[in-house]
Each structure stands twice: as C-alpha cells, then as structure tokens.
Amino acid sequence: MAETDLYAPVKRFLERQGYEVKGEVGACDVVGVRGEDPPVVVELKERLSLALLLQAVDRLVVTEHVYVAFRVGRKHSAAWRTHGKLVERLLRRVGVGLLTVSTRGAVTPVLDPGPYRPRTNGARRRLLVEEFHARVGDPEEGGAPSRQRLTAYRQDVLRCARELSTAGVLRPRDIKERVGVDRAGPILRDNHYGWFRRVERGRYELTKKGARELGDWAHALDALEAVAAPGEEPAS
C-alpha cells in the first residue's frame, strides 16, 4: 500500500475533531486547521522508520502539535510490534504524538504531543498557514511522492493563464477583476514558468509554452471551477 492510502483515514479522523484538513501543504504531509488553534501536522509513512521520526521533529518548528502516522497490523511495521514501548517513550520525550492506522483504515490515537520543547519558527508557521488558506480546495493527496505541487501560487498562475487563453491579451487588473487573483500583476511580470509575454506596456498574452503546458493542468482547472469561492462565478 502507498503512503497516500493513509491520507483519507487520517483526514477523516481529524475532521471528526473539527479540523479542516489539506494534504501536502509546504513540507507537511497533512495539515489540519481549526479556528485560531495552532495547526496540527501529521507525517505519514507505511512503516515506522527513522526518516519518519526525523520529519516529525523538523515539523516542530512550525507547530507544537505534530503526529506521526503509520500502518499497523499483520505484515505491517514489525519495528512497532517489537519496540512499541520504546518508540512511545522516545516520541514522548521529543513531544511528538502518534496515530496508528489499521489495514481497514481505523485510526487509533496512541499518544498525543507532549509539552512543547523546541522554539517555533514564527515565519515558517505563518507561511504554512497562509499557504493552507490560500489554496482553493484540497488539490493534493497527503503522502504523495515529490513532484510539481499544485500550490496556491500555481493555482493563481493557472487562473491567469486560463483567462489569457480565452481573451488573448489582458491587463493584470482585468484578470484580477475577472477571477479575483490579487497578485496577477506580479505573476505576469515575474513569469516564473515562462508562460506569459508582455506585448506592450501593461498588457500580456499567453506564450506557446504556456498554452501547451496549460493543457497538462486541465484536471486542476476543473477542480478550481468546482470549488469556486461563494459568490464567485466560475470562470468560463
């Protein structure tokens, strides 16, 4: 089973606690946000491993509520069956919580995060929560292999490109008015992906590269329309 198979049961578990949950936000597999509470981060692995523990410790710089989650049961996580008590002791000392996931998808909270020890990095925490709220919907499955992420920035780039693909030439403020991308100006000017070209002062069009690669993100564009913000008409 893939690590992504753990995402759905962990997401459901957190949602039952009142969290809104999204996958692959920043460097974190799973992030849950509930009101003004500090975010909850869960790192996923099919088996208990040193890599999983190191990831969890690193996430303590953004929030004190960090869990590891891995599969348990027959043919799963022999290290947990053999060293379970020692693992709990280690996690308790570093302040990391533990969730186990059965082969049927049942999540068991074995250990809650203990007293916070490391000093949080306020800037990284702010960026994590900002990215969470800026994303439209939940486009990434937690635990997915590293690849091109559908970040909030890329979502805005896609929305700009989609408007240019249909309108031809537009000003940044036109795009902002049509689809609500406040940073349309910087996106078009910075042109990180090589998708945009300035045809004259203050007016841009989509490049051939942009038109070609836009098609690779058709599924993401459909998802953006499906979860358009309340009161916002989906772009045509």
Protein backbone atom coordinates (compact mmCIF):
# COMPACT_ATOMS: atom_id res chain seq x y z
CA MET A 1 0.00 0.00 0.00
CA ALA A 2 1.14 3.54 -0.72
CA GLU A 3 1.54 6.28 1.87
CA THR A 4 -1.33 8.11 0.18
CA ASP A 5 -3.64 5.29 1.35
CA LEU A 6 -3.15 6.60 4.89
CA TYR A 7 -4.26 10.11 3.97
CA ALA A 8 -8.02 9.54 3.72
CA PRO A 9 -8.46 7.80 7.12
CA VAL A 10 -6.21 10.35 8.87
CA LYS A 11 -8.11 13.20 7.22
CA ARG A 12 -11.45 11.75 8.35
CA PHE A 13 -10.09 11.29 11.87
CA LEU A 14 -9.05 14.94 12.12
CA GLU A 15 -12.24 16.21 10.51
CA ARG A 16 -14.22 14.45 13.24
CA GLN A 17 -12.26 16.60 15.70
CA GLY A 18 -13.47 19.73 13.89
CA TYR A 19 -10.38 20.38 11.74
CA GLU A 20 -10.32 21.44 8.11
CA VAL A 21 -7.69 19.21 6.52
CA LYS A 22 -5.48 19.51 3.43
CA GLY A 23 -2.59 17.44 2.13
CA GLU A 24 0.94 18.40 1.07
CA VAL A 25 0.94 21.95 2.41
CA GLY A 26 4.51 23.20 2.42
CA ALA A 27 6.75 20.30 3.51
CA CYS A 28 3.98 18.66 5.57
CA ASP A 29 2.06 15.54 4.53
CA VAL A 30 -1.15 16.52 6.35
CA VAL A 31 -2.20 19.83 7.91
CA GLY A 32 -5.33 20.43 9.98
CA VAL A 33 -6.57 23.88 10.96
CA ARG A 34 -9.36 24.58 13.48
CA GLY A 35 -10.26 28.19 14.14
CA GLU A 36 -7.49 30.08 15.91
CA ASP A 37 -5.89 26.90 17.32
CA PRO A 38 -2.30 26.12 16.29
CA PRO A 39 -2.24 23.89 13.20
CA VAL A 40 -1.92 20.12 13.53
CA VAL A 41 0.66 18.38 11.32
CA VAL A 42 0.74 14.64 10.60
CA GLU A 43 3.63 12.91 8.82
CA LEU A 44 2.73 9.69 7.02
CA LYS A 45 4.76 6.55 6.37
CA GLU A 46 3.76 2.97 5.59
CA ARG A 47 6.17 1.79 8.30
CA LEU A 48 7.79 3.20 11.39
CA SER A 49 11.23 4.48 10.40
CA LEU A 50 13.95 6.88 11.41
CA ALA A 51 13.08 9.07 8.40
CA LEU A 52 9.52 9.45 9.73
CA LEU A 53 10.74 10.46 13.20
CA LEU A 54 13.21 12.97 11.75
CA GLN A 55 10.48 14.54 9.62
CA ALA A 56 8.23 14.90 12.66
CA VAL A 57 10.94 16.56 14.74
CA ASP A 58 11.61 19.02 11.92
CA ARG A 59 7.91 19.97 11.80
CA LEU A 60 8.05 21.06 15.45
CA VAL A 61 9.43 24.40 14.27
CA VAL A 62 6.03 25.30 12.81
CA THR A 63 3.69 23.86 15.44
CA GLU A 64 3.79 22.00 18.74
CA HIS A 65 1.01 19.66 17.54
CA VAL A 66 2.86 17.12 15.40
CA TYR A 67 1.92 13.45 14.92
CA VAL A 68 3.46 10.54 13.07
CA ALA A 69 1.11 8.01 11.49
CA PHE A 70 1.90 4.58 10.07
CA ARG A 71 0.20 1.30 9.22
CA VAL A 72 -0.11 -1.43 11.86
CA GLY A 73 -1.40 -4.97 11.73
CA ARG A 74 -0.36 -8.28 10.22
CA LYS A 75 2.66 -7.92 7.89
CA HIS A 76 2.98 -4.25 8.82
CA SER A 77 5.50 -2.35 10.95
CA ALA A 78 7.46 -5.13 12.65
CA ALA A 79 9.55 -2.44 14.36
CA TRP A 80 6.43 -1.14 16.09
CA ARG A 81 5.44 -4.61 17.31
CA THR A 82 8.94 -5.21 18.64
CA HIS A 83 9.82 -1.79 20.04
CA GLY A 84 6.44 -0.13 20.59
CA LYS A 85 7.02 0.93 24.19
CA LEU A 86 10.46 2.35 23.43
CA VAL A 87 9.03 4.26 20.47
CA GLU A 88 6.32 5.78 22.65
CA ARG A 89 8.95 6.80 25.19
CA LEU A 90 11.06 8.45 22.50
CA LEU A 91 8.12 10.30 20.98
CA ARG A 92 7.00 11.49 24.40
CA ARG A 93 10.46 12.91 25.08
CA VAL A 94 10.55 14.89 21.84
CA GLY A 95 6.92 15.99 22.15
CA VAL A 96 5.55 14.16 19.07
CA GLY A 97 2.20 12.36 19.01
CA LEU A 98 1.38 9.01 17.40
CA LEU A 99 -1.53 7.75 15.30
CA THR A 100 -1.71 4.18 14.03
CA VAL A 101 -3.79 3.15 11.02
CA SER A 102 -5.14 -0.39 10.70
CA THR A 103 -5.38 -2.30 7.43
CA ARG A 104 -9.09 -1.42 7.45
CA GLY A 105 -8.40 2.29 7.86
CA ALA A 106 -9.20 2.63 11.57
CA VAL A 107 -7.12 5.39 13.18
CA THR A 108 -6.05 4.99 16.82
CA PRO A 109 -4.58 7.93 18.77
CA VAL A 110 -1.83 6.17 20.73
CA LEU A 111 -0.06 9.26 22.03
CA ASP A 112 -0.81 12.98 21.99
CA PRO A 113 2.02 15.51 21.58
CA GLY A 114 3.61 16.36 24.91
CA PRO A 115 4.82 19.68 26.29
CA TYR A 116 6.32 21.83 23.60
CA ARG A 117 10.14 21.93 23.74
CA PRO A 118 11.75 23.37 20.59
CA ARG A 119 11.23 27.03 19.80
CA THR A 120 8.82 27.52 16.90
CA ASN A 121 9.88 29.37 13.79
CA GLY A 122 7.17 32.02 13.52
CA ALA A 123 7.93 32.81 9.88
CA ARG A 124 7.67 29.19 8.76
CA ARG A 125 4.48 28.72 10.75
CA ARG A 126 2.95 31.83 9.19
CA LEU A 127 3.89 30.66 5.67
CA LEU A 128 2.36 27.24 6.36
CA VAL A 129 -0.98 28.67 7.48
CA GLU A 130 -1.01 31.28 4.70
CA GLU A 131 -0.44 28.57 2.09
CA PHE A 132 -3.21 26.48 3.67
CA HIS A 133 -5.78 29.26 3.49
CA ALA A 134 -4.66 30.48 0.06
CA ARG A 135 -5.19 27.12 -1.62
CA VAL A 136 -8.50 26.58 -3.37
CA GLY A 137 -9.94 23.27 -2.21
CA ASP A 138 -7.71 20.31 -1.32
CA PRO A 139 -5.83 19.54 -4.57
CA GLU A 140 -3.03 17.40 -3.13
CA GLU A 141 -3.21 13.96 -1.51
CA GLY A 142 -1.11 13.81 1.64
CA GLY A 143 1.88 11.49 1.35
CA ALA A 144 2.17 11.77 -2.45
CA PRO A 145 5.71 11.48 -3.92
CA SER A 146 7.60 14.69 -4.58
CA ARG A 147 6.59 16.28 -7.89
CA GLN A 148 5.17 19.54 -9.19
CA ARG A 149 2.90 20.67 -6.38
CA LEU A 150 -0.38 22.44 -7.01
CA THR A 151 0.40 25.26 -4.59
CA ALA A 152 -1.76 28.34 -4.08
CA TYR A 153 0.70 30.28 -6.28
CA ARG A 154 0.41 27.75 -9.11
CA GLN A 155 -3.37 27.83 -8.78
CA ASP A 156 -3.28 31.60 -9.33
CA VAL A 157 -0.92 31.18 -12.29
CA LEU A 158 -3.36 28.70 -13.83
CA ARG A 159 -6.27 31.10 -13.36
CA CYS A 160 -4.30 33.90 -15.06
CA ALA A 161 -3.28 31.62 -17.91
CA ARG A 162 -6.81 30.37 -18.43
CA GLU A 163 -8.12 33.92 -18.83
CA LEU A 164 -5.37 34.81 -21.30
CA SER A 165 -6.01 31.63 -23.28
CA THR A 166 -9.58 32.73 -23.95
CA ALA A 167 -9.20 36.52 -24.11
CA GLY A 168 -5.87 36.79 -25.93
CA VAL A 169 -4.41 39.96 -24.39
CA LEU A 170 -5.31 41.36 -20.98
CA ARG A 171 -4.12 43.77 -18.33
CA PRO A 172 -3.37 42.40 -14.86
CA ARG A 173 -6.26 44.39 -13.42
CA ASP A 174 -8.60 42.76 -15.97
CA ILE A 175 -7.60 39.34 -14.70
CA LYS A 176 -7.95 40.48 -11.10
CA GLU A 177 -11.49 41.67 -11.77
CA ARG A 178 -12.48 38.54 -13.68
CA VAL A 179 -11.14 35.79 -11.41
CA GLY A 180 -10.06 37.58 -8.23
CA VAL A 181 -6.30 36.94 -8.47
CA ASP A 182 -4.98 39.89 -6.45
CA ARG A 183 -1.35 39.18 -7.36
CA ALA A 184 -1.99 38.93 -11.11
CA GLY A 185 0.45 41.81 -11.77
CA PRO A 186 3.48 40.22 -10.04
CA ILE A 187 2.65 36.81 -11.52
CA LEU A 188 2.64 38.14 -15.08
CA ARG A 189 5.73 40.31 -14.57
CA ASP A 190 7.82 37.68 -12.76
CA ASN A 191 6.80 34.96 -15.22
CA HIS A 192 8.45 32.14 -13.24
CA TYR A 193 7.21 29.39 -15.56
CA GLY A 194 7.74 31.17 -18.89
CA TRP A 195 4.01 31.22 -19.62
CA PHE A 196 3.47 34.95 -20.17
CA ARG A 197 4.76 37.62 -22.54
CA ARG A 198 4.33 41.38 -22.37
CA VAL A 199 3.06 42.59 -25.73
CA GLU A 200 3.03 46.24 -24.72
CA ARG A 201 3.14 48.20 -21.51
CA GLY A 202 0.67 46.75 -19.02
CA ARG A 203 -0.70 44.10 -21.42
CA TYR A 204 0.16 40.42 -21.55
CA GLU A 205 -0.55 37.31 -23.58
CA LEU A 206 0.00 33.58 -23.13
CA THR A 207 3.17 32.13 -24.67
CA LYS A 208 3.20 28.94 -26.76
CA LYS A 209 4.86 27.19 -23.84
CA GLY A 210 2.11 28.40 -21.53
CA ALA A 211 -0.65 27.29 -23.88
CA ARG A 212 0.95 23.86 -24.26
CA GLU A 213 1.59 23.27 -20.56
CA LEU A 214 -1.78 24.68 -19.51
CA GLY A 215 -3.36 21.60 -21.04
CA ASP A 216 -1.38 19.41 -18.63
CA TRP A 217 -3.27 21.02 -15.76
CA ALA A 218 -6.80 20.57 -17.12
CA HIS A 219 -7.80 18.46 -14.10
CA ALA A 220 -6.63 21.21 -11.76
CA LEU A 221 -8.58 23.85 -13.67
CA ASP A 222 -11.73 21.72 -13.45
CA ALA A 223 -11.19 21.38 -9.70
CA LEU A 224 -10.73 25.14 -9.32
CA GLU A 225 -14.07 25.77 -11.01
CA ALA A 226 -15.77 23.12 -8.88
CA VAL A 227 -14.74 24.80 -5.65
CA ALA A 228 -15.12 28.42 -6.69
CA ALA A 229 -15.47 30.71 -3.68
CA PRO A 230 -19.05 31.52 -2.51
CA GLY A 231 -20.38 34.42 -4.53
CA GLU A 232 -17.74 33.97 -7.23
CA GLU A 233 -18.94 32.78 -10.57
CA PRO A 234 -16.71 30.05 -12.07
CA ALA A 235 -14.66 31.41 -14.95
CA SER A 236 -15.71 30.28 -18.39
